[in-house]
Amino acid sequence: MTAAFRATGYDVLKRLRTLVLGTRDTISGTVYGTIVVLAALTAGGESYEHEPWRLDVIVSVTVVVLWLAHVYADGLGESLTLGRRLTVREFASISRREFAIPLAAVVPVIFLTLGALRVLAGPTAFWLALGVGVATLTAQGVRYARLERLNPVATSISVAVNLGLGLIIVALEAFISH
């Protein structure tokens, strides 16, 4: 293996890791996007057996709409803070920074699509998508703790709060929609 290939392979893995796990600047978007995915899953959860495509669309559209709303609202706030309209470049920067929101939906939506295509059973696809969301919240809690150099107790609290908040939101959504 040549040094150039190893460097390229490393770069690809680094970019993939950044895409999936995000960066210091995107943890909040990943957590927000994951909570949106979990809420949409629970709200449309009854669809997974009889209408798996419907659940796939519910989750995908919900995440994209809330991402667009989030980018728009951030743009408004930034414009007011600066006292002027944003440039296209500034607005694009907000969009890129918040792109972690829809990226958080990619893996769960892949599982839902596999369920809709009948590659996976509907309940299996649903639970895998839900499991990925829970794992993502856990991983982001750990990432936050590491970036902040928290001790083991504080790390446990960080993970518990991150995971607990997401699960409480999902539980409330499930309670309301059922």
C-alpha atoms as a PDB file:
ATOM      1  CA  MET A   1       0.000   0.000   0.000  1.00  0.00           C
ATOM      2  CA  THR A   2       1.482   3.338  -1.019  1.00  0.00           C
ATOM      3  CA  ALA A   3       1.739   6.292   1.324  1.00  0.00           C
ATOM      4  CA  ALA A   4      -0.573   8.305  -0.945  1.00  0.00           C
ATOM      5  CA  PHE A   5      -3.239   5.588  -0.803  1.00  0.00           C
ATOM      6  CA  ARG A   6      -2.967   5.319   2.988  1.00  0.00           C
ATOM      7  CA  ALA A   7      -3.301   9.090   3.309  1.00  0.00           C
ATOM      8  CA  THR A   8      -6.311   9.085   0.985  1.00  0.00           C
ATOM      9  CA  GLY A   9      -7.901   6.166   2.851  1.00  0.00           C
ATOM     10  CA  TYR A  10      -7.302   7.963   6.146  1.00  0.00           C
ATOM     11  CA  ASP A  11      -8.822  11.151   4.725  1.00  0.00           C
ATOM     12  CA  VAL A  12     -11.905   9.255   3.559  1.00  0.00           C
ATOM     13  CA  LEU A  13     -12.352   7.634   6.981  1.00  0.00           C
ATOM     14  CA  LYS A  14     -11.827  10.978   8.715  1.00  0.00           C
ATOM     15  CA  ARG A  15     -14.418  12.662   6.470  1.00  0.00           C
ATOM     16  CA  LEU A  16     -16.867   9.787   6.981  1.00  0.00           C
ATOM     17  CA  ARG A  17     -16.386   9.993  10.769  1.00  0.00           C
ATOM     18  CA  THR A  18     -16.948  13.752  10.653  1.00  0.00           C
ATOM     19  CA  LEU A  19     -20.033  13.277   8.480  1.00  0.00           C
ATOM     20  CA  VAL A  20     -21.585  10.681  10.797  1.00  0.00           C
ATOM     21  CA  LEU A  21     -20.474  11.960  14.204  1.00  0.00           C
ATOM     22  CA  GLY A  22     -20.070  15.627  13.381  1.00  0.00           C
ATOM     23  CA  THR A  23     -17.656  18.094  14.911  1.00  0.00           C
ATOM     24  CA  ARG A  24     -17.567  20.251  17.995  1.00  0.00           C
ATOM     25  CA  ASP A  25     -19.699  22.750  16.098  1.00  0.00           C
ATOM     26  CA  THR A  26     -22.330  20.211  14.995  1.00  0.00           C
ATOM     27  CA  ILE A  27     -23.086  18.235  18.160  1.00  0.00           C
ATOM     28  CA  SER A  28     -26.129  20.387  18.878  1.00  0.00           C
ATOM     29  CA  GLY A  29     -27.505  19.835  15.366  1.00  0.00           C
ATOM     30  CA  THR A  30     -26.938  16.091  15.593  1.00  0.00           C
ATOM     31  CA  VAL A  31     -28.727  15.913  18.947  1.00  0.00           C
ATOM     32  CA  TYR A  32     -31.583  18.106  17.708  1.00  0.00           C
ATOM     33  CA  GLY A  33     -31.926  16.124  14.478  1.00  0.00           C
ATOM     34  CA  THR A  34     -31.877  12.833  16.356  1.00  0.00           C
ATOM     35  CA  ILE A  35     -34.604  13.985  18.734  1.00  0.00           C
ATOM     36  CA  VAL A  36     -36.689  15.089  15.724  1.00  0.00           C
ATOM     37  CA  VAL A  37     -36.180  11.655  14.139  1.00  0.00           C
ATOM     38  CA  LEU A  38     -37.178   9.877  17.352  1.00  0.00           C
ATOM     39  CA  ALA A  39     -40.261  12.058  17.772  1.00  0.00           C
ATOM     40  CA  ALA A  40     -41.329  11.504  14.155  1.00  0.00           C
ATOM     41  CA  LEU A  41     -40.754   7.754  14.530  1.00  0.00           C
ATOM     42  CA  THR A  42     -42.957   7.570  17.583  1.00  0.00           C
ATOM     43  CA  ALA A  43     -45.623   9.835  16.081  1.00  0.00           C
ATOM     44  CA  GLY A  44     -45.863   7.712  12.949  1.00  0.00           C
ATOM     45  CA  GLY A  45     -44.930   4.431  14.591  1.00  0.00           C
ATOM     46  CA  GLU A  46     -48.228   2.727  13.913  1.00  0.00           C
ATOM     47  CA  SER A  47     -47.501   2.969  10.171  1.00  0.00           C
ATOM     48  CA  TYR A  48     -44.454   0.718  10.134  1.00  0.00           C
ATOM     49  CA  GLU A  49     -46.312  -2.561   9.676  1.00  0.00           C
ATOM     50  CA  HIS A  50     -49.036  -1.626   7.223  1.00  0.00           C
ATOM     51  CA  GLU A  51     -47.609   1.475   5.517  1.00  0.00           C
ATOM     52  CA  PRO A  52     -43.813   1.423   5.892  1.00  0.00           C
ATOM     53  CA  TRP A  53     -43.300   3.989   3.122  1.00  0.00           C
ATOM     54  CA  ARG A  54     -45.564   6.385   4.978  1.00  0.00           C
ATOM     55  CA  LEU A  55     -43.339   6.246   8.057  1.00  0.00           C
ATOM     56  CA  ASP A  56     -40.264   6.706   5.872  1.00  0.00           C
ATOM     57  CA  VAL A  57     -41.810   9.839   4.336  1.00  0.00           C
ATOM     58  CA  ILE A  58     -43.070  11.157   7.694  1.00  0.00           C
ATOM     59  CA  VAL A  59     -39.585  10.981   9.221  1.00  0.00           C
ATOM     60  CA  SER A  60     -37.771  12.326   6.145  1.00  0.00           C
ATOM     61  CA  VAL A  61     -40.119  15.238   5.493  1.00  0.00           C
ATOM     62  CA  THR A  62     -40.356  16.175   9.171  1.00  0.00           C
ATOM     63  CA  VAL A  63     -36.586  16.388   9.506  1.00  0.00           C
ATOM     64  CA  VAL A  64     -36.133  18.402   6.310  1.00  0.00           C
ATOM     65  CA  VAL A  65     -38.948  20.836   7.145  1.00  0.00           C
ATOM     66  CA  LEU A  66     -37.640  21.423  10.674  1.00  0.00           C
ATOM     67  CA  TRP A  67     -34.086  21.828   9.342  1.00  0.00           C
ATOM     68  CA  LEU A  68     -35.266  24.473   6.856  1.00  0.00           C
ATOM     69  CA  ALA A  69     -37.242  26.221   9.607  1.00  0.00           C
ATOM     70  CA  HIS A  70     -34.217  26.087  11.911  1.00  0.00           C
ATOM     71  CA  VAL A  71     -31.893  27.538   9.242  1.00  0.00           C
ATOM     72  CA  TYR A  72     -34.404  30.270   8.404  1.00  0.00           C
ATOM     73  CA  ALA A  73     -34.915  31.199  12.065  1.00  0.00           C
ATOM     74  CA  ASP A  74     -31.151  31.231  12.720  1.00  0.00           C
ATOM     75  CA  GLY A  75     -30.730  33.437   9.650  1.00  0.00           C
ATOM     76  CA  LEU A  76     -33.331  35.880  10.934  1.00  0.00           C
ATOM     77  CA  GLY A  77     -31.699  36.016  14.342  1.00  0.00           C
ATOM     78  CA  GLU A  78     -28.232  36.479  12.879  1.00  0.00           C
ATOM     79  CA  SER A  79     -29.513  39.217  10.573  1.00  0.00           C
ATOM     80  CA  LEU A  80     -31.033  41.072  13.516  1.00  0.00           C
ATOM     81  CA  THR A  81     -27.860  40.641  15.572  1.00  0.00           C
ATOM     82  CA  LEU A  82     -25.732  42.059  12.750  1.00  0.00           C
ATOM     83  CA  GLY A  83     -28.238  44.815  11.992  1.00  0.00           C
ATOM     84  CA  ARG A  84     -28.315  43.985   8.292  1.00  0.00           C
ATOM     85  CA  ARG A  85     -29.441  41.357   5.808  1.00  0.00           C
ATOM     86  CA  LEU A  86     -27.244  38.300   5.550  1.00  0.00           C
ATOM     87  CA  THR A  87     -25.149  37.698   2.479  1.00  0.00           C
ATOM     88  CA  VAL A  88     -25.670  34.503   0.523  1.00  0.00           C
ATOM     89  CA  ARG A  89     -22.336  33.286   1.877  1.00  0.00           C
ATOM     90  CA  GLU A  90     -23.393  33.911   5.501  1.00  0.00           C
ATOM     91  CA  PHE A  91     -26.728  32.180   4.981  1.00  0.00           C
ATOM     92  CA  ALA A  92     -24.965  29.238   3.298  1.00  0.00           C
ATOM     93  CA  SER A  93     -22.649  29.033   6.307  1.00  0.00           C
ATOM     94  CA  ILE A  94     -25.656  28.703   8.634  1.00  0.00           C
ATOM     95  CA  SER A  95     -27.126  26.032   6.355  1.00  0.00           C
ATOM     96  CA  ARG A  96     -23.880  24.038   6.379  1.00  0.00           C
ATOM     97  CA  ARG A  97     -23.465  24.365  10.145  1.00  0.00           C
ATOM     98  CA  GLU A  98     -27.011  23.127  10.744  1.00  0.00           C
ATOM     99  CA  PHE A  99     -26.785  20.368   8.132  1.00  0.00           C
ATOM    100  CA  ALA A 100     -26.117  18.001  11.031  1.00  0.00           C
ATOM    101  CA  ILE A 101     -29.893  18.056  11.619  1.00  0.00           C
ATOM    102  CA  PRO A 102     -30.844  16.190   8.421  1.00  0.00           C
ATOM    103  CA  LEU A 103     -27.649  14.111   8.556  1.00  0.00           C
ATOM    104  CA  ALA A 104     -28.883  12.679  11.858  1.00  0.00           C
ATOM    105  CA  ALA A 105     -31.776  11.135   9.921  1.00  0.00           C
ATOM    106  CA  VAL A 106     -29.713   9.332   7.280  1.00  0.00           C
ATOM    107  CA  VAL A 107     -29.087   6.014   9.052  1.00  0.00           C
ATOM    108  CA  PRO A 108     -32.569   5.716  10.605  1.00  0.00           C
ATOM    109  CA  VAL A 109     -34.134   6.513   7.215  1.00  0.00           C
ATOM    110  CA  ILE A 110     -31.956   3.870   5.554  1.00  0.00           C
ATOM    111  CA  PHE A 111     -33.388   1.292   7.973  1.00  0.00           C
ATOM    112  CA  LEU A 112     -36.930   2.544   7.334  1.00  0.00           C
ATOM    113  CA  THR A 113     -36.359   2.340   3.584  1.00  0.00           C
ATOM    114  CA  LEU A 114     -35.093  -1.229   3.948  1.00  0.00           C
ATOM    115  CA  GLY A 115     -38.314  -1.967   5.811  1.00  0.00           C
ATOM    116  CA  ALA A 116     -40.416  -0.319   3.107  1.00  0.00           C
ATOM    117  CA  LEU A 117     -38.587  -2.382   0.461  1.00  0.00           C
ATOM    118  CA  ARG A 118     -39.318  -5.497   2.556  1.00  0.00           C
ATOM    119  CA  VAL A 119     -35.597  -6.236   2.939  1.00  0.00           C
ATOM    120  CA  LEU A 120     -36.266  -5.977   6.678  1.00  0.00           C
ATOM    121  CA  ALA A 121     -39.522  -6.706   8.454  1.00  0.00           C
ATOM    122  CA  GLY A 122     -41.399  -3.505   9.326  1.00  0.00           C
ATOM    123  CA  PRO A 123     -41.021  -3.904  13.099  1.00  0.00           C
ATOM    124  CA  THR A 124     -37.309  -4.729  12.718  1.00  0.00           C
ATOM    125  CA  ALA A 125     -36.722  -1.623  10.600  1.00  0.00           C
ATOM    126  CA  PHE A 126     -38.645   0.523  13.075  1.00  0.00           C
ATOM    127  CA  TRP A 127     -36.730  -0.762  16.114  1.00  0.00           C
ATOM    128  CA  LEU A 128     -33.359  -0.503  14.342  1.00  0.00           C
ATOM    129  CA  ALA A 129     -34.137   3.126  13.414  1.00  0.00           C
ATOM    130  CA  LEU A 130     -35.181   3.826  16.997  1.00  0.00           C
ATOM    131  CA  GLY A 131     -32.082   2.047  18.328  1.00  0.00           C
ATOM    132  CA  VAL A 132     -29.796   4.101  16.089  1.00  0.00           C
ATOM    133  CA  GLY A 133     -31.391   7.252  17.476  1.00  0.00           C
ATOM    134  CA  VAL A 134     -30.836   6.169  21.069  1.00  0.00           C
ATOM    135  CA  ALA A 135     -27.245   5.143  20.263  1.00  0.00           C
ATOM    136  CA  THR A 136     -26.640   8.497  18.575  1.00  0.00           C
ATOM    137  CA  LEU A 137     -27.849  10.437  21.613  1.00  0.00           C
ATOM    138  CA  THR A 138     -25.593   8.321  23.812  1.00  0.00           C
ATOM    139  CA  ALA A 139     -22.586   8.802  21.516  1.00  0.00           C
ATOM    140  CA  GLN A 140     -23.134  12.561  21.349  1.00  0.00           C
ATOM    141  CA  GLY A 141     -23.309  12.733  25.148  1.00  0.00           C
ATOM    142  CA  VAL A 142     -19.967  10.937  25.322  1.00  0.00           C
ATOM    143  CA  ARG A 143     -18.487  13.167  22.599  1.00  0.00           C
ATOM    144  CA  TYR A 144     -19.605  16.285  24.443  1.00  0.00           C
ATOM    145  CA  ALA A 145     -18.072  15.001  27.671  1.00  0.00           C
ATOM    146  CA  ARG A 146     -14.767  14.229  25.946  1.00  0.00           C
ATOM    147  CA  LEU A 147     -14.606  17.596  24.211  1.00  0.00           C
ATOM    148  CA  GLU A 148     -15.291  19.304  27.539  1.00  0.00           C
ATOM    149  CA  ARG A 149     -12.794  16.965  29.292  1.00  0.00           C
ATOM    150  CA  LEU A 150     -15.336  15.935  31.899  1.00  0.00           C
ATOM    151  CA  ASN A 151     -14.482  13.405  34.591  1.00  0.00           C
ATOM    152  CA  PRO A 152     -16.224   9.991  34.597  1.00  0.00           C
ATOM    153  CA  VAL A 153     -19.040  11.109  36.917  1.00  0.00           C
ATOM    154  CA  ALA A 154     -19.743  14.236  34.880  1.00  0.00           C
ATOM    155  CA  THR A 155     -19.538  12.142  31.699  1.00  0.00           C
ATOM    156  CA  SER A 156     -22.177   9.767  33.060  1.00  0.00           C
ATOM    157  CA  ILE A 157     -24.396  12.721  33.930  1.00  0.00           C
ATOM    158  CA  SER A 158     -23.884  14.226  30.460  1.00  0.00           C
ATOM    159  CA  VAL A 159     -24.864  10.980  28.760  1.00  0.00           C
ATOM    160  CA  ALA A 160     -27.844  10.471  31.087  1.00  0.00           C
ATOM    161  CA  VAL A 161     -29.152  13.997  30.531  1.00  0.00           C
ATOM    162  CA  ASN A 162     -28.701  13.774  26.758  1.00  0.00           C
ATOM    163  CA  LEU A 163     -30.324  10.375  26.522  1.00  0.00           C
ATOM    164  CA  GLY A 164     -32.990  11.179  29.124  1.00  0.00           C
ATOM    165  CA  LEU A 165     -34.072  14.370  27.385  1.00  0.00           C
ATOM    166  CA  GLY A 166     -34.435  12.562  24.087  1.00  0.00           C
ATOM    167  CA  LEU A 167     -36.359   9.674  25.619  1.00  0.00           C
ATOM    168  CA  ILE A 168     -38.660  12.017  27.569  1.00  0.00           C
ATOM    169  CA  ILE A 169     -39.508  13.879  24.369  1.00  0.00           C
ATOM    170  CA  VAL A 170     -40.177  10.586  22.596  1.00  0.00           C
ATOM    171  CA  ALA A 171     -42.323   9.347  25.498  1.00  0.00           C
ATOM    172  CA  LEU A 172     -44.359  12.569  25.501  1.00  0.00           C
ATOM    173  CA  GLU A 173     -44.830  12.337  21.754  1.00  0.00           C
ATOM    174  CA  ALA A 174     -45.898   8.699  22.003  1.00  0.00           C
ATOM    175  CA  PHE A 175     -48.309   9.516  24.822  1.00  0.00           C
ATOM    176  CA  ILE A 176     -49.877  12.399  22.904  1.00  0.00           C
ATOM    177  CA  SER A 177     -50.164  10.592  19.573  1.00  0.00           C
ATOM    178  CA  HIS A 178     -51.595   7.331  20.967  1.00  0.00           C
END
